[in-house]
């Protein structure tokens, strides 16, 4: 089945980088989605979890860490 016209496929099984740990793959995928979309939805978290084999809780915690570090980076730049 082809994706709808004008829509890009966000993740595919072939995108998984076997040379990295699953946690590194999760982090990179989350960063990619966040940079492209400006947000990460619950659906994105579920998709990343399914594609990488990493449980949903770990994926959501990784996103929290990314957002926390991003917020800390912005506040230190403002000082």
C-alpha atoms as a PDB file:
ATOM      1  CA  UNK A   1       0.000   0.000   0.000  1.00  0.00           C
ATOM      2  CA  UNK A   2       1.377   3.374  -0.995  1.00  0.00           C
ATOM      3  CA  UNK A   3       1.337   6.369   1.352  1.00  0.00           C
ATOM      4  CA  UNK A   4      -1.205   9.079   0.554  1.00  0.00           C
ATOM      5  CA  UNK A   5      -0.097  11.574  -2.034  1.00  0.00           C
ATOM      6  CA  UNK A   6       1.935  14.426  -0.599  1.00  0.00           C
ATOM      7  CA  UNK A   7       2.732  12.510   2.565  1.00  0.00           C
ATOM      8  CA  UNK A   8       6.176  11.199   3.265  1.00  0.00           C
ATOM      9  CA  UNK A   9       6.810   7.959   5.069  1.00  0.00           C
ATOM     10  CA  UNK A  10       8.205   9.001   8.443  1.00  0.00           C
ATOM     11  CA  UNK A  11       9.759   5.710   9.433  1.00  0.00           C
ATOM     12  CA  UNK A  12      10.373   2.425   7.744  1.00  0.00           C
ATOM     13  CA  UNK A  13      11.878  -0.812   8.930  1.00  0.00           C
ATOM     14  CA  UNK A  14      14.877  -0.319   6.656  1.00  0.00           C
ATOM     15  CA  UNK A  15      15.703   2.932   8.498  1.00  0.00           C
ATOM     16  CA  UNK A  16      16.884   1.045  11.583  1.00  0.00           C
ATOM     17  CA  UNK A  17      20.659   1.393  11.935  1.00  0.00           C
ATOM     18  CA  UNK A  18      21.995  -1.946  13.210  1.00  0.00           C
ATOM     19  CA  UNK A  19      25.388  -0.444  14.082  1.00  0.00           C
ATOM     20  CA  UNK A  20      23.829   1.603  16.899  1.00  0.00           C
ATOM     21  CA  UNK A  21      22.205   0.490  20.113  1.00  0.00           C
ATOM     22  CA  UNK A  22      18.389   0.504  20.193  1.00  0.00           C
ATOM     23  CA  UNK A  23      18.475   3.468  22.588  1.00  0.00           C
ATOM     24  CA  UNK A  24      20.631   5.465  20.176  1.00  0.00           C
ATOM     25  CA  UNK A  25      18.218   4.648  17.349  1.00  0.00           C
ATOM     26  CA  UNK A  26      15.294   5.830  19.486  1.00  0.00           C
ATOM     27  CA  UNK A  27      17.055   9.081  20.371  1.00  0.00           C
ATOM     28  CA  UNK A  28      17.968   9.782  16.739  1.00  0.00           C
ATOM     29  CA  UNK A  29      14.448   9.026  15.487  1.00  0.00           C
ATOM     30  CA  UNK A  30      12.913  11.279  18.144  1.00  0.00           C
ATOM     31  CA  UNK A  31      15.293  14.091  17.237  1.00  0.00           C
ATOM     32  CA  UNK A  32      14.523  13.631  13.535  1.00  0.00           C
ATOM     33  CA  UNK A  33      10.761  13.816  14.111  1.00  0.00           C
ATOM     34  CA  UNK A  34      11.089  16.772  16.491  1.00  0.00           C
ATOM     35  CA  UNK A  35      13.288  18.733  14.100  1.00  0.00           C
ATOM     36  CA  UNK A  36      11.037  17.983  11.116  1.00  0.00           C
ATOM     37  CA  UNK A  37       7.643  18.480  12.785  1.00  0.00           C
ATOM     38  CA  UNK A  38       8.454  20.733  15.745  1.00  0.00           C
ATOM     39  CA  UNK A  39       6.668  18.268  18.015  1.00  0.00           C
ATOM     40  CA  UNK A  40       6.440  14.559  18.750  1.00  0.00           C
ATOM     41  CA  UNK A  41       2.981  13.019  19.060  1.00  0.00           C
ATOM     42  CA  UNK A  42       1.936   9.945  21.000  1.00  0.00           C
ATOM     43  CA  UNK A  43       1.477   8.216  17.660  1.00  0.00           C
ATOM     44  CA  UNK A  44       5.129   8.978  16.836  1.00  0.00           C
ATOM     45  CA  UNK A  45       6.176   7.464  20.174  1.00  0.00           C
ATOM     46  CA  UNK A  46       4.154   4.316  19.506  1.00  0.00           C
ATOM     47  CA  UNK A  47       5.551   4.021  15.977  1.00  0.00           C
ATOM     48  CA  UNK A  48       9.142   4.454  17.141  1.00  0.00           C
ATOM     49  CA  UNK A  49       8.582   1.904  19.888  1.00  0.00           C
ATOM     50  CA  UNK A  50       7.226  -0.639  17.407  1.00  0.00           C
ATOM     51  CA  UNK A  51       9.937  -0.003  14.820  1.00  0.00           C
ATOM     52  CA  UNK A  52      12.869  -0.225  17.234  1.00  0.00           C
ATOM     53  CA  UNK A  53      11.558  -2.863  19.637  1.00  0.00           C
ATOM     54  CA  UNK A  54      12.131  -0.522  22.581  1.00  0.00           C
ATOM     55  CA  UNK A  55       9.227  -0.336  25.028  1.00  0.00           C
ATOM     56  CA  UNK A  56       6.945   2.702  24.949  1.00  0.00           C
ATOM     57  CA  UNK A  57       7.925   3.807  28.481  1.00  0.00           C
ATOM     58  CA  UNK A  58      11.608   4.006  27.517  1.00  0.00           C
ATOM     59  CA  UNK A  59      10.803   5.893  24.302  1.00  0.00           C
ATOM     60  CA  UNK A  60       8.687   8.444  26.210  1.00  0.00           C
ATOM     61  CA  UNK A  61      11.383   8.857  28.886  1.00  0.00           C
ATOM     62  CA  UNK A  62      13.961   9.440  26.158  1.00  0.00           C
ATOM     63  CA  UNK A  63      11.756  12.166  24.702  1.00  0.00           C
ATOM     64  CA  UNK A  64      11.445  13.778  28.150  1.00  0.00           C
ATOM     65  CA  UNK A  65      15.254  13.786  28.458  1.00  0.00           C
ATOM     66  CA  UNK A  66      15.609  15.375  25.022  1.00  0.00           C
ATOM     67  CA  UNK A  67      13.064  18.068  25.846  1.00  0.00           C
ATOM     68  CA  UNK A  68      14.597  18.694  29.284  1.00  0.00           C
ATOM     69  CA  UNK A  69      18.098  19.083  27.859  1.00  0.00           C
ATOM     70  CA  UNK A  70      16.754  21.335  25.102  1.00  0.00           C
ATOM     71  CA  UNK A  71      15.033  23.550  27.681  1.00  0.00           C
ATOM     72  CA  UNK A  72      18.181  23.658  29.801  1.00  0.00           C
ATOM     73  CA  UNK A  73      20.234  24.594  26.742  1.00  0.00           C
ATOM     74  CA  UNK A  74      17.887  27.452  25.893  1.00  0.00           C
ATOM     75  CA  UNK A  75      17.887  28.858  29.432  1.00  0.00           C
ATOM     76  CA  UNK A  76      21.692  28.800  29.625  1.00  0.00           C
ATOM     77  CA  UNK A  77      21.907  30.632  26.273  1.00  0.00           C
ATOM     78  CA  UNK A  78      19.581  33.364  27.567  1.00  0.00           C
ATOM     79  CA  UNK A  79      21.807  34.100  30.588  1.00  0.00           C
END
